[in-house]
Amino acid sequence: MTVFCLPQEPVFPHPEFSDPDGLLAVGGDLSLERLIAAYSQGIFPWYGQNSPILWWSPDPRLVLFPEELHIPKSLRRIINAKRFKVTVNQAFEEVINWCARVKRKGQCGTWLVPEMIEAYIRLHEQGYAHSFEAWQEDRLVGGLYGVSLGRAFFGESMFHLISNASKVALVYMVQYLREHSFHFLDCQQTTNHMLRFGAREISRDEFLQRLKKALLKDEG
């Protein structure tokens, strides 16, 4: 198994050199230039507290094509009842901080360490990271955020304080991506949660080919 140690320059080895779990490289930084270089090559950072920065490119890759979104009947009823109002980019910092704070079943600690939060806030300020927020009255009760390059959207994390709030935000987001001609939502890692919404696995090679096309802004 070979794991690359990154140089100071914002460059990466080809994702095909990732180990069987998808780990490609270690080190580097979370600068704007390096993060954009990573996402444009199908690579993303994911690590925990007291760990160096780890860079991943899994094979297979879970993606959701907007036209293949599946909305469970029970969730469709909740959406039709308009229990939540969904907004875009109205509370990015609140969303990412809630994603870091909310505990998840079977998870100890968080991968959203302070430097990660700061890095994605910088991406948001530069127009690369976006949030979708679910509200009940004036209270933020769920949401998600991710990174947008060209016509590819890379989902990062989501949270809810009330059941189904983040699911409603997810449905709104995928519909938004479809309306704006995005090619796919990158789910990064396979989860039953996203499989239920119609996401499916594709090979890393196919993912990288699709990503290359999605990054061409004039692509039809």
N, C-alpha and C. Protein backbone atom coordinates (compact mmCIF):
# COMPACT_ATOMS: atom_id res chain seq x y z
N MET A 1 0.84 -1.19 0.00
CA MET A 1 0.00 0.00 0.00
C MET A 1 0.88 1.24 0.00
N THR A 2 0.61 2.18 -0.92
CA THR A 2 1.36 3.42 -1.01
C THR A 2 0.43 4.59 -0.71
N VAL A 3 0.81 5.42 0.26
CA VAL A 3 0.08 6.65 0.55
C VAL A 3 1.05 7.80 0.34
N PHE A 4 0.69 8.73 -0.50
CA PHE A 4 1.59 9.81 -0.89
C PHE A 4 1.60 10.93 0.14
N CYS A 5 2.77 11.49 0.35
CA CYS A 5 2.93 12.66 1.21
C CYS A 5 2.95 13.89 0.30
N LEU A 6 2.04 14.80 0.51
CA LEU A 6 1.87 15.92 -0.41
C LEU A 6 2.97 16.97 -0.24
N PRO A 7 3.39 17.59 -1.35
CA PRO A 7 4.35 18.69 -1.29
C PRO A 7 3.66 20.00 -0.94
N GLN A 8 4.40 21.07 -0.88
CA GLN A 8 3.82 22.38 -0.58
C GLN A 8 2.93 22.88 -1.72
N GLU A 9 3.25 22.51 -2.94
CA GLU A 9 2.43 22.92 -4.08
C GLU A 9 1.08 22.19 -4.03
N PRO A 10 0.00 22.85 -4.48
CA PRO A 10 -1.33 22.23 -4.45
C PRO A 10 -1.54 21.22 -5.57
N VAL A 11 -0.78 20.14 -5.55
CA VAL A 11 -0.89 19.09 -6.57
C VAL A 11 -1.14 17.75 -5.89
N PHE A 12 -1.71 16.82 -6.67
CA PHE A 12 -2.06 15.51 -6.14
C PHE A 12 -1.63 14.42 -7.12
N PRO A 13 -1.33 13.23 -6.60
CA PRO A 13 -1.14 12.08 -7.50
C PRO A 13 -2.48 11.70 -8.10
N HIS A 14 -2.45 10.92 -9.17
CA HIS A 14 -3.69 10.50 -9.81
C HIS A 14 -4.50 9.62 -8.85
N PRO A 15 -5.83 9.80 -8.81
CA PRO A 15 -6.66 8.99 -7.90
C PRO A 15 -6.51 7.48 -8.07
N GLU A 16 -6.06 7.04 -9.23
CA GLU A 16 -5.93 5.59 -9.45
C GLU A 16 -4.91 4.96 -8.50
N PHE A 17 -4.08 5.78 -7.87
CA PHE A 17 -3.08 5.25 -6.94
C PHE A 17 -3.61 5.13 -5.51
N SER A 18 -4.90 5.41 -5.30
CA SER A 18 -5.49 5.26 -3.97
C SER A 18 -5.43 3.80 -3.52
N ASP A 19 -5.37 3.62 -2.20
CA ASP A 19 -5.37 2.26 -1.67
C ASP A 19 -6.79 1.69 -1.77
N PRO A 20 -7.01 0.41 -1.44
CA PRO A 20 -8.33 -0.20 -1.61
C PRO A 20 -9.45 0.52 -0.85
N ASP A 21 -9.13 1.21 0.24
CA ASP A 21 -10.14 1.95 0.98
C ASP A 21 -10.38 3.35 0.42
N GLY A 22 -9.57 3.75 -0.55
CA GLY A 22 -9.73 5.07 -1.15
C GLY A 22 -8.76 6.11 -0.65
N LEU A 23 -7.91 5.76 0.33
CA LEU A 23 -6.94 6.73 0.84
C LEU A 23 -5.84 6.94 -0.20
N LEU A 24 -5.60 8.22 -0.52
CA LEU A 24 -4.63 8.56 -1.56
C LEU A 24 -3.39 9.25 -1.01
N ALA A 25 -3.58 10.22 -0.14
CA ALA A 25 -2.44 11.05 0.27
C ALA A 25 -2.65 11.58 1.68
N VAL A 26 -1.56 12.10 2.23
CA VAL A 26 -1.58 12.67 3.58
C VAL A 26 -0.80 13.97 3.56
N GLY A 27 -1.23 14.92 4.39
CA GLY A 27 -0.49 16.17 4.53
C GLY A 27 -1.07 17.31 3.71
N GLY A 28 -0.23 18.26 3.38
CA GLY A 28 -0.68 19.43 2.66
C GLY A 28 -1.41 20.40 3.58
N ASP A 29 -2.35 21.14 3.02
CA ASP A 29 -3.10 22.12 3.80
C ASP A 29 -4.51 22.18 3.25
N LEU A 30 -5.30 23.09 3.82
CA LEU A 30 -6.69 23.26 3.38
C LEU A 30 -6.87 24.62 2.72
N SER A 31 -5.87 25.05 1.98
CA SER A 31 -5.97 26.31 1.27
C SER A 31 -7.03 26.22 0.18
N LEU A 32 -7.51 27.37 -0.22
CA LEU A 32 -8.52 27.43 -1.29
C LEU A 32 -8.01 26.74 -2.54
N GLU A 33 -6.77 27.02 -2.92
CA GLU A 33 -6.20 26.45 -4.14
C GLU A 33 -6.12 24.93 -4.07
N ARG A 34 -5.70 24.41 -2.92
CA ARG A 34 -5.56 22.96 -2.81
C ARG A 34 -6.93 22.27 -2.79
N LEU A 35 -7.90 22.85 -2.11
CA LEU A 35 -9.22 22.24 -2.06
C LEU A 35 -9.86 22.21 -3.45
N ILE A 36 -9.74 23.29 -4.19
CA ILE A 36 -10.30 23.31 -5.54
C ILE A 36 -9.58 22.30 -6.44
N ALA A 37 -8.26 22.22 -6.30
CA ALA A 37 -7.50 21.23 -7.07
C ALA A 37 -7.95 19.82 -6.72
N ALA A 38 -8.19 19.57 -5.43
CA ALA A 38 -8.62 18.24 -5.00
C ALA A 38 -9.99 17.88 -5.58
N TYR A 39 -10.97 18.73 -5.36
CA TYR A 39 -12.33 18.41 -5.83
C TYR A 39 -12.38 18.27 -7.34
N SER A 40 -11.61 19.07 -8.05
CA SER A 40 -11.63 18.99 -9.51
C SER A 40 -11.03 17.69 -10.02
N GLN A 41 -10.34 16.94 -9.13
CA GLN A 41 -9.78 15.64 -9.50
C GLN A 41 -10.48 14.49 -8.79
N GLY A 42 -11.61 14.77 -8.17
CA GLY A 42 -12.37 13.72 -7.51
C GLY A 42 -11.77 13.29 -6.19
N ILE A 43 -11.08 14.20 -5.51
CA ILE A 43 -10.41 13.92 -4.24
C ILE A 43 -11.01 14.83 -3.16
N PHE A 44 -11.16 14.33 -1.96
CA PHE A 44 -11.70 15.16 -0.89
C PHE A 44 -10.98 14.86 0.43
N PRO A 45 -10.93 15.84 1.35
CA PRO A 45 -10.30 15.61 2.65
C PRO A 45 -11.30 15.01 3.63
N TRP A 46 -10.81 14.11 4.48
CA TRP A 46 -11.66 13.51 5.51
C TRP A 46 -10.74 12.93 6.58
N TYR A 47 -10.80 13.50 7.75
CA TYR A 47 -9.93 13.05 8.84
C TYR A 47 -10.53 13.51 10.16
N GLY A 48 -10.00 13.01 11.25
CA GLY A 48 -10.54 13.33 12.56
C GLY A 48 -9.57 14.14 13.40
N GLN A 49 -9.98 14.35 14.63
CA GLN A 49 -9.14 15.08 15.56
C GLN A 49 -7.84 14.31 15.81
N ASN A 50 -6.76 15.05 16.00
CA ASN A 50 -5.44 14.48 16.28
C ASN A 50 -4.92 13.61 15.13
N SER A 51 -5.35 13.94 13.92
CA SER A 51 -4.91 13.21 12.73
C SER A 51 -4.36 14.20 11.72
N PRO A 52 -3.37 13.79 10.92
CA PRO A 52 -2.96 14.65 9.80
C PRO A 52 -4.08 14.73 8.78
N ILE A 53 -3.99 15.65 7.84
CA ILE A 53 -5.00 15.76 6.79
C ILE A 53 -4.89 14.54 5.87
N LEU A 54 -6.01 13.86 5.67
CA LEU A 54 -6.06 12.69 4.80
C LEU A 54 -6.92 12.99 3.59
N TRP A 55 -6.47 12.53 2.43
CA TRP A 55 -7.16 12.81 1.17
C TRP A 55 -7.62 11.50 0.54
N TRP A 56 -8.88 11.48 0.05
CA TRP A 56 -9.52 10.23 -0.37
C TRP A 56 -10.09 10.33 -1.78
N SER A 57 -10.15 9.16 -2.43
CA SER A 57 -10.84 9.03 -3.71
C SER A 57 -11.33 7.59 -3.82
N PRO A 58 -12.50 7.30 -3.25
CA PRO A 58 -12.99 5.91 -3.17
C PRO A 58 -13.36 5.32 -4.52
N ASP A 59 -13.32 4.01 -4.58
CA ASP A 59 -13.76 3.24 -5.75
C ASP A 59 -14.46 1.99 -5.23
N PRO A 60 -15.78 1.86 -5.47
CA PRO A 60 -16.64 2.70 -6.30
C PRO A 60 -17.02 4.01 -5.60
N ARG A 61 -17.73 4.85 -6.35
CA ARG A 61 -18.14 6.17 -5.85
C ARG A 61 -19.66 6.24 -5.89
N LEU A 62 -20.26 6.70 -4.81
CA LEU A 62 -21.72 6.82 -4.77
C LEU A 62 -22.13 8.19 -5.31
N VAL A 63 -23.00 8.19 -6.30
CA VAL A 63 -23.49 9.45 -6.87
C VAL A 63 -25.00 9.38 -7.00
N LEU A 64 -25.61 10.55 -6.97
CA LEU A 64 -27.04 10.66 -7.21
C LEU A 64 -27.24 11.55 -8.43
N PHE A 65 -27.80 10.98 -9.48
CA PHE A 65 -28.12 11.77 -10.66
C PHE A 65 -29.48 12.43 -10.40
N PRO A 66 -29.57 13.75 -10.53
CA PRO A 66 -30.79 14.47 -10.13
C PRO A 66 -32.07 13.88 -10.71
N GLU A 67 -32.01 13.42 -11.95
CA GLU A 67 -33.23 12.87 -12.57
C GLU A 67 -33.62 11.51 -11.99
N GLU A 68 -32.75 10.91 -11.18
CA GLU A 68 -33.04 9.61 -10.58
C GLU A 68 -33.43 9.72 -9.11
N LEU A 69 -33.68 10.93 -8.64
CA LEU A 69 -34.08 11.12 -7.25
C LEU A 69 -35.34 10.34 -6.92
N HIS A 70 -35.29 9.59 -5.84
CA HIS A 70 -36.47 8.86 -5.34
C HIS A 70 -36.92 9.51 -4.04
N ILE A 71 -38.18 9.92 -3.99
CA ILE A 71 -38.74 10.53 -2.78
C ILE A 71 -39.73 9.55 -2.17
N PRO A 72 -39.42 9.01 -0.98
CA PRO A 72 -40.36 8.09 -0.33
C PRO A 72 -41.73 8.74 -0.13
N LYS A 73 -42.79 7.93 -0.19
CA LYS A 73 -44.14 8.48 -0.07
C LYS A 73 -44.35 9.24 1.23
N SER A 74 -43.81 8.72 2.32
CA SER A 74 -44.00 9.38 3.62
C SER A 74 -43.34 10.76 3.62
N LEU A 75 -42.18 10.86 2.97
CA LEU A 75 -41.50 12.15 2.91
C LEU A 75 -42.21 13.09 1.96
N ARG A 76 -42.77 12.56 0.89
CA ARG A 76 -43.51 13.41 -0.05
C ARG A 76 -44.70 14.06 0.65
N ARG A 77 -45.34 13.31 1.56
CA ARG A 77 -46.47 13.89 2.28
C ARG A 77 -46.01 15.04 3.17
N ILE A 78 -44.85 14.87 3.80
CA ILE A 78 -44.31 15.93 4.65
C ILE A 78 -43.99 17.17 3.82
N ILE A 79 -43.40 16.95 2.63
CA ILE A 79 -43.08 18.08 1.75
C ILE A 79 -44.35 18.79 1.32
N ASN A 80 -45.37 18.02 0.93
CA ASN A 80 -46.63 18.62 0.49
C ASN A 80 -47.33 19.38 1.60
N ALA A 81 -47.10 18.94 2.85
CA ALA A 81 -47.72 19.62 3.99
C ALA A 81 -47.00 20.91 4.34
N LYS A 82 -45.86 21.15 3.71
CA LYS A 82 -45.08 22.38 3.91
C LYS A 82 -44.73 22.62 5.38
N ARG A 83 -44.22 21.58 6.02
CA ARG A 83 -43.83 21.71 7.42
C ARG A 83 -42.54 22.52 7.57
N PHE A 84 -41.74 22.55 6.51
CA PHE A 84 -40.46 23.25 6.58
C PHE A 84 -40.34 24.23 5.42
N LYS A 85 -39.67 25.33 5.67
CA LYS A 85 -39.28 26.26 4.61
C LYS A 85 -37.81 26.03 4.33
N VAL A 86 -37.45 25.93 3.05
CA VAL A 86 -36.06 25.68 2.68
C VAL A 86 -35.48 26.92 1.99
N THR A 87 -34.29 27.31 2.41
CA THR A 87 -33.60 28.44 1.81
C THR A 87 -32.21 28.00 1.33
N VAL A 88 -31.57 28.87 0.57
CA VAL A 88 -30.25 28.57 0.02
C VAL A 88 -29.28 29.67 0.44
N ASN A 89 -28.15 29.24 1.03
CA ASN A 89 -27.06 30.16 1.38
C ASN A 89 -27.48 31.28 2.34
N GLN A 90 -28.44 31.00 3.20
CA GLN A 90 -28.87 32.01 4.17
C GLN A 90 -28.22 31.82 5.54
N ALA A 91 -27.62 30.64 5.79
CA ALA A 91 -27.05 30.40 7.11
C ALA A 91 -25.93 29.36 7.02
N PHE A 92 -24.98 29.61 6.11
CA PHE A 92 -23.93 28.61 5.87
C PHE A 92 -23.16 28.29 7.15
N GLU A 93 -22.70 29.30 7.86
CA GLU A 93 -21.87 29.05 9.05
C GLU A 93 -22.67 28.31 10.12
N GLU A 94 -23.94 28.64 10.26
CA GLU A 94 -24.77 27.91 11.23
C GLU A 94 -24.90 26.45 10.84
N VAL A 95 -25.11 26.19 9.55
CA VAL A 95 -25.28 24.81 9.08
C VAL A 95 -24.02 24.00 9.34
N ILE A 96 -22.86 24.51 8.95
CA ILE A 96 -21.65 23.71 9.10
C ILE A 96 -21.31 23.51 10.57
N ASN A 97 -21.60 24.49 11.40
CA ASN A 97 -21.33 24.31 12.83
C ASN A 97 -22.29 23.31 13.46
N TRP A 98 -23.53 23.28 13.02
CA TRP A 98 -24.45 22.26 13.51
C TRP A 98 -24.03 20.87 13.03
N CYS A 99 -23.54 20.79 11.79
CA CYS A 99 -23.06 19.50 11.28
C CYS A 99 -21.93 18.97 12.15
N ALA A 100 -21.11 19.87 12.67
CA ALA A 100 -20.00 19.45 13.53
C ALA A 100 -20.47 19.07 14.93
N ARG A 101 -21.55 19.71 15.40
CA ARG A 101 -21.97 19.51 16.79
C ARG A 101 -22.91 18.33 17.00
N VAL A 102 -23.80 18.11 16.04
CA VAL A 102 -24.83 17.09 16.23
C VAL A 102 -24.20 15.70 16.24
N LYS A 103 -24.49 14.93 17.27
CA LYS A 103 -23.94 13.59 17.39
C LYS A 103 -24.70 12.63 16.48
N ARG A 104 -23.94 11.69 15.90
CA ARG A 104 -24.54 10.69 15.02
C ARG A 104 -24.36 9.30 15.62
N LYS A 105 -25.33 8.46 15.40
CA LYS A 105 -25.29 7.11 15.94
C LYS A 105 -24.05 6.37 15.46
N GLY A 106 -23.31 5.79 16.38
CA GLY A 106 -22.13 5.01 16.04
C GLY A 106 -20.90 5.83 15.73
N GLN A 107 -21.00 7.15 15.91
CA GLN A 107 -19.85 8.01 15.60
C GLN A 107 -19.34 8.67 16.87
N CYS A 108 -18.05 8.57 17.09
CA CYS A 108 -17.42 9.20 18.24
C CYS A 108 -16.62 10.41 17.76
N GLY A 109 -16.98 11.58 18.24
CA GLY A 109 -16.28 12.78 17.81
C GLY A 109 -16.77 13.25 16.44
N THR A 110 -16.02 14.12 15.80
CA THR A 110 -16.42 14.67 14.52
C THR A 110 -15.22 14.79 13.59
N TRP A 111 -15.47 14.65 12.30
CA TRP A 111 -14.40 14.90 11.33
C TRP A 111 -14.33 16.38 10.98
N LEU A 112 -15.36 17.16 11.38
CA LEU A 112 -15.35 18.58 11.10
C LEU A 112 -14.60 19.33 12.20
N VAL A 113 -13.30 19.20 12.16
CA VAL A 113 -12.44 19.89 13.12
C VAL A 113 -12.42 21.38 12.77
N PRO A 114 -12.00 22.26 13.70
CA PRO A 114 -12.08 23.71 13.46
C PRO A 114 -11.44 24.18 12.16
N GLU A 115 -10.28 23.62 11.79
CA GLU A 115 -9.64 24.08 10.57
C GLU A 115 -10.44 23.69 9.32
N MET A 116 -11.19 22.58 9.41
CA MET A 116 -12.06 22.20 8.30
C MET A 116 -13.21 23.19 8.17
N ILE A 117 -13.81 23.55 9.30
CA ILE A 117 -14.91 24.51 9.28
C ILE A 117 -14.44 25.82 8.69
N GLU A 118 -13.28 26.29 9.12
CA GLU A 118 -12.75 27.56 8.60
C GLU A 118 -12.49 27.47 7.09
N ALA A 119 -11.99 26.33 6.64
CA ALA A 119 -11.68 26.17 5.22
C ALA A 119 -12.95 26.22 4.37
N TYR A 120 -14.03 25.56 4.82
CA TYR A 120 -15.25 25.56 4.02
C TYR A 120 -15.97 26.90 4.10
N ILE A 121 -15.81 27.61 5.18
CA ILE A 121 -16.35 28.97 5.23
C ILE A 121 -15.64 29.84 4.20
N ARG A 122 -14.33 29.67 4.06
CA ARG A 122 -13.60 30.41 3.02
C ARG A 122 -14.11 30.03 1.63
N LEU A 123 -14.35 28.75 1.42
CA LEU A 123 -14.89 28.31 0.13
C LEU A 123 -16.25 28.96 -0.13
N HIS A 124 -17.06 29.05 0.92
CA HIS A 124 -18.37 29.68 0.79
C HIS A 124 -18.24 31.16 0.44
N GLU A 125 -17.33 31.83 1.10
CA GLU A 125 -17.14 33.25 0.85
C GLU A 125 -16.68 33.52 -0.58
N GLN A 126 -16.00 32.54 -1.17
CA GLN A 126 -15.52 32.68 -2.55
C GLN A 126 -16.51 32.10 -3.58
N GLY A 127 -17.66 31.64 -3.09
CA GLY A 127 -18.70 31.17 -4.00
C GLY A 127 -18.62 29.72 -4.40
N TYR A 128 -17.80 28.92 -3.72
CA TYR A 128 -17.65 27.51 -4.07
C TYR A 128 -18.44 26.55 -3.17
N ALA A 129 -18.77 26.97 -1.97
CA ALA A 129 -19.50 26.11 -1.04
C ALA A 129 -20.87 26.71 -0.77
N HIS A 130 -21.87 25.86 -0.64
CA HIS A 130 -23.26 26.33 -0.53
C HIS A 130 -24.02 25.51 0.52
N SER A 131 -24.99 26.15 1.10
CA SER A 131 -25.82 25.47 2.11
C SER A 131 -27.28 25.55 1.72
N PHE A 132 -28.02 24.54 2.15
CA PHE A 132 -29.48 24.50 2.01
C PHE A 132 -30.03 24.31 3.42
N GLU A 133 -30.93 25.21 3.81
CA GLU A 133 -31.37 25.25 5.20
C GLU A 133 -32.87 24.95 5.30
N ALA A 134 -33.24 24.15 6.30
CA ALA A 134 -34.65 23.87 6.59
C ALA A 134 -35.03 24.60 7.88
N TRP A 135 -36.14 25.32 7.82
CA TRP A 135 -36.58 26.15 8.94
C TRP A 135 -37.99 25.77 9.38
N GLN A 136 -38.25 25.93 10.67
CA GLN A 136 -39.61 25.97 11.18
C GLN A 136 -39.77 27.32 11.84
N GLU A 137 -40.63 28.13 11.24
CA GLU A 137 -40.74 29.53 11.60
C GLU A 137 -39.36 30.18 11.45
N ASP A 138 -38.79 30.72 12.52
CA ASP A 138 -37.48 31.36 12.41
C ASP A 138 -36.36 30.50 12.98
N ARG A 139 -36.62 29.22 13.20
CA ARG A 139 -35.63 28.34 13.81
C ARG A 139 -35.02 27.42 12.76
N LEU A 140 -33.69 27.40 12.71
CA LEU A 140 -32.99 26.48 11.82
C LEU A 140 -33.05 25.08 12.44
N VAL A 141 -33.65 24.13 11.72
CA VAL A 141 -33.86 22.80 12.29
C VAL A 141 -33.20 21.69 11.47
N GLY A 142 -32.57 22.05 10.36
CA GLY A 142 -31.89 21.04 9.56
C GLY A 142 -31.21 21.70 8.38
N GLY A 143 -30.35 20.95 7.75
CA GLY A 143 -29.68 21.50 6.57
C GLY A 143 -28.51 20.66 6.12
N LEU A 144 -27.89 21.09 5.06
CA LEU A 144 -26.73 20.41 4.51
C LEU A 144 -25.90 21.41 3.72
N TYR A 145 -24.67 21.01 3.44
CA TYR A 145 -23.81 21.89 2.65
C TYR A 145 -22.90 21.03 1.77
N GLY A 146 -22.32 21.69 0.78
CA GLY A 146 -21.42 20.99 -0.12
C GLY A 146 -20.65 21.97 -0.97
N VAL A 147 -19.87 21.44 -1.89
CA VAL A 147 -19.00 22.22 -2.76
C VAL A 147 -19.47 22.10 -4.20
N SER A 148 -19.49 23.22 -4.90
CA SER A 148 -19.94 23.26 -6.28
C SER A 148 -18.80 23.68 -7.19
N LEU A 149 -18.53 22.86 -8.20
CA LEU A 149 -17.56 23.20 -9.25
C LEU A 149 -18.19 22.87 -10.59
N GLY A 150 -18.24 23.85 -11.49
CA GLY A 150 -18.88 23.59 -12.77
C GLY A 150 -20.30 23.13 -12.55
N ARG A 151 -20.64 21.96 -13.10
CA ARG A 151 -21.97 21.39 -12.91
C ARG A 151 -21.90 20.11 -12.10
N ALA A 152 -20.95 20.07 -11.17
CA ALA A 152 -20.83 18.96 -10.21
C ALA A 152 -21.04 19.53 -8.81
N PHE A 153 -21.79 18.81 -7.99
CA PHE A 153 -21.99 19.22 -6.60
C PHE A 153 -21.52 18.09 -5.70
N PHE A 154 -20.64 18.44 -4.76
CA PHE A 154 -20.04 17.45 -3.86
C PHE A 154 -20.67 17.61 -2.48
N GLY A 155 -21.52 16.68 -2.10
CA GLY A 155 -22.18 16.75 -0.81
C GLY A 155 -21.19 16.47 0.32
N GLU A 156 -21.26 17.25 1.37
CA GLU A 156 -20.31 17.11 2.47
C GLU A 156 -20.94 16.58 3.75
N SER A 157 -21.92 17.28 4.29
CA SER A 157 -22.50 16.84 5.56
C SER A 157 -23.89 17.42 5.72
N MET A 158 -24.68 16.81 6.60
CA MET A 158 -26.02 17.28 6.87
C MET A 158 -26.36 17.06 8.34
N PHE A 159 -27.38 17.75 8.81
CA PHE A 159 -27.79 17.59 10.21
C PHE A 159 -29.29 17.83 10.30
N HIS A 160 -29.88 17.37 11.39
CA HIS A 160 -31.27 17.72 11.68
C HIS A 160 -31.47 17.81 13.18
N LEU A 161 -32.31 18.72 13.58
CA LEU A 161 -32.74 18.85 14.97
C LEU A 161 -34.16 18.34 15.14
N ILE A 162 -34.89 18.27 14.03
CA ILE A 162 -36.24 17.73 13.98
C ILE A 162 -36.28 16.69 12.87
N SER A 163 -36.94 15.57 13.13
CA SER A 163 -37.00 14.49 12.15
C SER A 163 -37.46 15.00 10.78
N ASN A 164 -36.78 14.52 9.76
CA ASN A 164 -37.09 14.77 8.34
C ASN A 164 -36.67 16.14 7.84
N ALA A 165 -36.17 17.02 8.71
CA ALA A 165 -35.79 18.36 8.25
C ALA A 165 -34.66 18.30 7.22
N SER A 166 -33.63 17.52 7.49
CA SER A 166 -32.52 17.44 6.55
C SER A 166 -32.93 16.70 5.28
N LYS A 167 -33.86 15.76 5.38
CA LYS A 167 -34.33 15.05 4.19
C LYS A 167 -35.08 15.99 3.25
N VAL A 168 -35.89 16.86 3.83
CA VAL A 168 -36.60 17.84 3.00
C VAL A 168 -35.60 18.78 2.33
N ALA A 169 -34.57 19.21 3.07
CA ALA A 169 -33.54 20.07 2.49
C ALA A 169 -32.81 19.34 1.37
N LEU A 170 -32.56 18.05 1.55
CA LEU A 170 -31.88 17.26 0.51
C LEU A 170 -32.71 17.19 -0.76
N VAL A 171 -34.00 16.92 -0.62
CA VAL A 171 -34.88 16.85 -1.79
C VAL A 171 -34.90 18.19 -2.51
N TYR A 172 -35.01 19.27 -1.75
CA TYR A 172 -35.00 20.60 -2.35
C TYR A 172 -33.68 20.83 -3.09
N MET A 173 -32.58 20.43 -2.48
CA MET A 173 -31.28 20.63 -3.10
C MET A 173 -31.17 19.87 -4.42
N VAL A 174 -31.56 18.61 -4.44
CA VAL A 174 -31.44 17.81 -5.67
C VAL A 174 -32.34 18.40 -6.76
N GLN A 175 -33.54 18.86 -6.39
CA GLN A 175 -34.41 19.49 -7.36
C GLN A 175 -33.77 20.78 -7.90
N TYR A 176 -33.11 21.52 -7.01
CA TYR A 176 -32.38 22.72 -7.41
C TYR A 176 -31.27 22.37 -8.41
N LEU A 177 -30.53 21.30 -8.11
CA LEU A 177 -29.45 20.87 -9.01
C LEU A 177 -30.01 20.48 -10.38
N ARG A 178 -31.13 19.81 -10.38
CA ARG A 178 -31.74 19.41 -11.66
C ARG A 178 -32.17 20.64 -12.46
N GLU A 179 -32.79 21.60 -11.78
CA GLU A 179 -33.26 22.81 -12.46
C GLU A 179 -32.10 23.62 -13.04
N HIS A 180 -30.91 23.50 -12.42
CA HIS A 180 -29.75 24.26 -12.87
C HIS A 180 -28.76 23.40 -13.67
N SER A 181 -29.24 22.27 -14.17
CA SER A 181 -28.50 21.43 -15.12
C SER A 181 -27.21 20.85 -14.54
N PHE A 182 -27.20 20.57 -13.23
CA PHE A 182 -26.05 19.88 -12.66
C PHE A 182 -26.06 18.42 -13.12
N HIS A 183 -24.89 17.86 -13.31
CA HIS A 183 -24.78 16.50 -13.82
C HIS A 183 -25.01 15.46 -12.72
N PHE A 184 -24.52 15.73 -11.52
CA PHE A 184 -24.66 14.75 -10.45
C PHE A 184 -24.38 15.38 -9.09
N LEU A 185 -24.85 14.68 -8.07
CA LEU A 185 -24.49 14.96 -6.67
C LEU A 185 -23.53 13.86 -6.24
N ASP A 186 -22.32 14.24 -5.88
CA ASP A 186 -21.34 13.28 -5.39
C ASP A 186 -21.61 13.03 -3.91
N CYS A 187 -21.93 11.79 -3.57
CA CYS A 187 -22.20 11.43 -2.17
C CYS A 187 -20.94 10.95 -1.47
N GLN A 188 -19.85 10.79 -2.21
CA GLN A 188 -18.53 10.45 -1.70
C GLN A 188 -18.45 9.02 -1.19
N GLN A 189 -19.22 8.69 -0.16
CA GLN A 189 -19.16 7.34 0.39
C GLN A 189 -20.55 6.72 0.41
N THR A 190 -20.59 5.41 0.28
CA THR A 190 -21.87 4.71 0.19
C THR A 190 -22.55 4.61 1.55
N THR A 191 -23.79 5.06 1.61
CA THR A 191 -24.61 4.95 2.82
C THR A 191 -26.01 4.48 2.42
N ASN A 192 -26.64 3.73 3.29
CA ASN A 192 -28.01 3.29 3.04
C ASN A 192 -28.95 4.48 2.91
N HIS A 193 -28.65 5.53 3.67
CA HIS A 193 -29.49 6.73 3.63
C HIS A 193 -29.58 7.27 2.21
N MET A 194 -28.44 7.43 1.54
CA MET A 194 -28.47 8.00 0.19
C MET A 194 -28.94 6.98 -0.85
N LEU A 195 -28.69 5.71 -0.62
CA LEU A 195 -29.21 4.69 -1.53
C LEU A 195 -30.73 4.74 -1.58
N ARG A 196 -31.36 5.03 -0.45
CA ARG A 196 -32.82 5.11 -0.41
C ARG A 196 -33.36 6.27 -1.25
N PHE A 197 -32.52 7.26 -1.50
CA PHE A 197 -32.95 8.40 -2.31
C PHE A 197 -32.61 8.23 -3.79
N GLY A 198 -32.10 7.06 -4.15
CA GLY A 198 -31.84 6.78 -5.56
C GLY A 198 -30.39 6.87 -5.98
N ALA A 199 -29.49 7.14 -5.04
CA ALA A 199 -28.08 7.18 -5.38
C ALA A 199 -27.59 5.78 -5.77
N ARG A 200 -26.56 5.72 -6.60
CA ARG A 200 -26.01 4.42 -6.98
C ARG A 200 -24.50 4.52 -7.16
N GLU A 201 -23.86 3.38 -7.05
CA GLU A 201 -22.41 3.33 -7.17
C GLU A 201 -21.99 3.25 -8.62
N ILE A 202 -20.92 3.98 -8.95
CA ILE A 202 -20.28 3.85 -10.25
C ILE A 202 -18.78 3.69 -10.00
N SER A 203 -18.07 3.21 -10.97
CA SER A 203 -16.63 3.04 -10.80
C SER A 203 -15.95 4.41 -10.71
N ARG A 204 -14.77 4.43 -10.10
CA ARG A 204 -14.03 5.68 -10.02
C ARG A 204 -13.69 6.20 -11.42
N ASP A 205 -13.34 5.30 -12.34
CA ASP A 205 -13.02 5.72 -13.70
C ASP A 205 -14.22 6.44 -14.33
N GLU A 206 -15.41 5.87 -14.18
CA GLU A 206 -16.60 6.52 -14.75
C GLU A 206 -16.86 7.85 -14.06
N PHE A 207 -16.68 7.87 -12.73
CA PHE A 207 -16.88 9.11 -11.99
C PHE A 207 -15.96 10.21 -12.51
N LEU A 208 -14.69 9.89 -12.69
CA LEU A 208 -13.73 10.89 -13.15
C LEU A 208 -14.06 11.38 -14.56
N GLN A 209 -14.55 10.47 -15.41
CA GLN A 209 -14.95 10.87 -16.75
C GLN A 209 -16.15 11.83 -16.70
N ARG A 210 -17.11 11.50 -15.86
CA ARG A 210 -18.28 12.36 -15.72
C ARG A 210 -17.90 13.70 -15.09
N LEU A 211 -16.98 13.65 -14.14
CA LEU A 211 -16.53 14.89 -13.50
C LEU A 211 -15.86 15.81 -14.51
N LYS A 212 -15.04 15.25 -15.37
CA LYS A 212 -14.36 16.05 -16.38
C LYS A 212 -15.37 16.79 -17.24
N LYS A 213 -16.44 16.12 -17.63
CA LYS A 213 -17.47 16.76 -18.44
C LYS A 213 -18.23 17.82 -17.64
N ALA A 214 -18.51 17.52 -16.37
CA ALA A 214 -19.27 18.45 -15.54
C ALA A 214 -18.50 19.74 -15.28
N LEU A 215 -17.18 19.67 -15.33
CA LEU A 215 -16.37 20.86 -15.06
C LEU A 215 -16.31 21.79 -16.27
N LEU A 216 -16.76 21.32 -17.42
CA LEU A 216 -16.83 22.17 -18.61
C LEU A 216 -18.13 22.96 -18.53
N LYS A 217 -18.04 24.23 -18.17
CA LYS A 217 -19.24 25.02 -17.89
C LYS A 217 -20.14 25.19 -19.10
N ASP A 218 -19.56 25.05 -20.28
CA ASP A 218 -20.39 25.21 -21.48
C ASP A 218 -20.95 23.88 -21.97
N GLU A 219 -20.75 22.84 -21.13
CA GLU A 219 -21.26 21.52 -21.51
C GLU A 219 -22.78 21.52 -21.47
N GLY A 220 -23.43 20.91 -22.42
CA GLY A 220 -24.88 20.89 -22.47
C GLY A 220 -25.48 19.87 -21.54
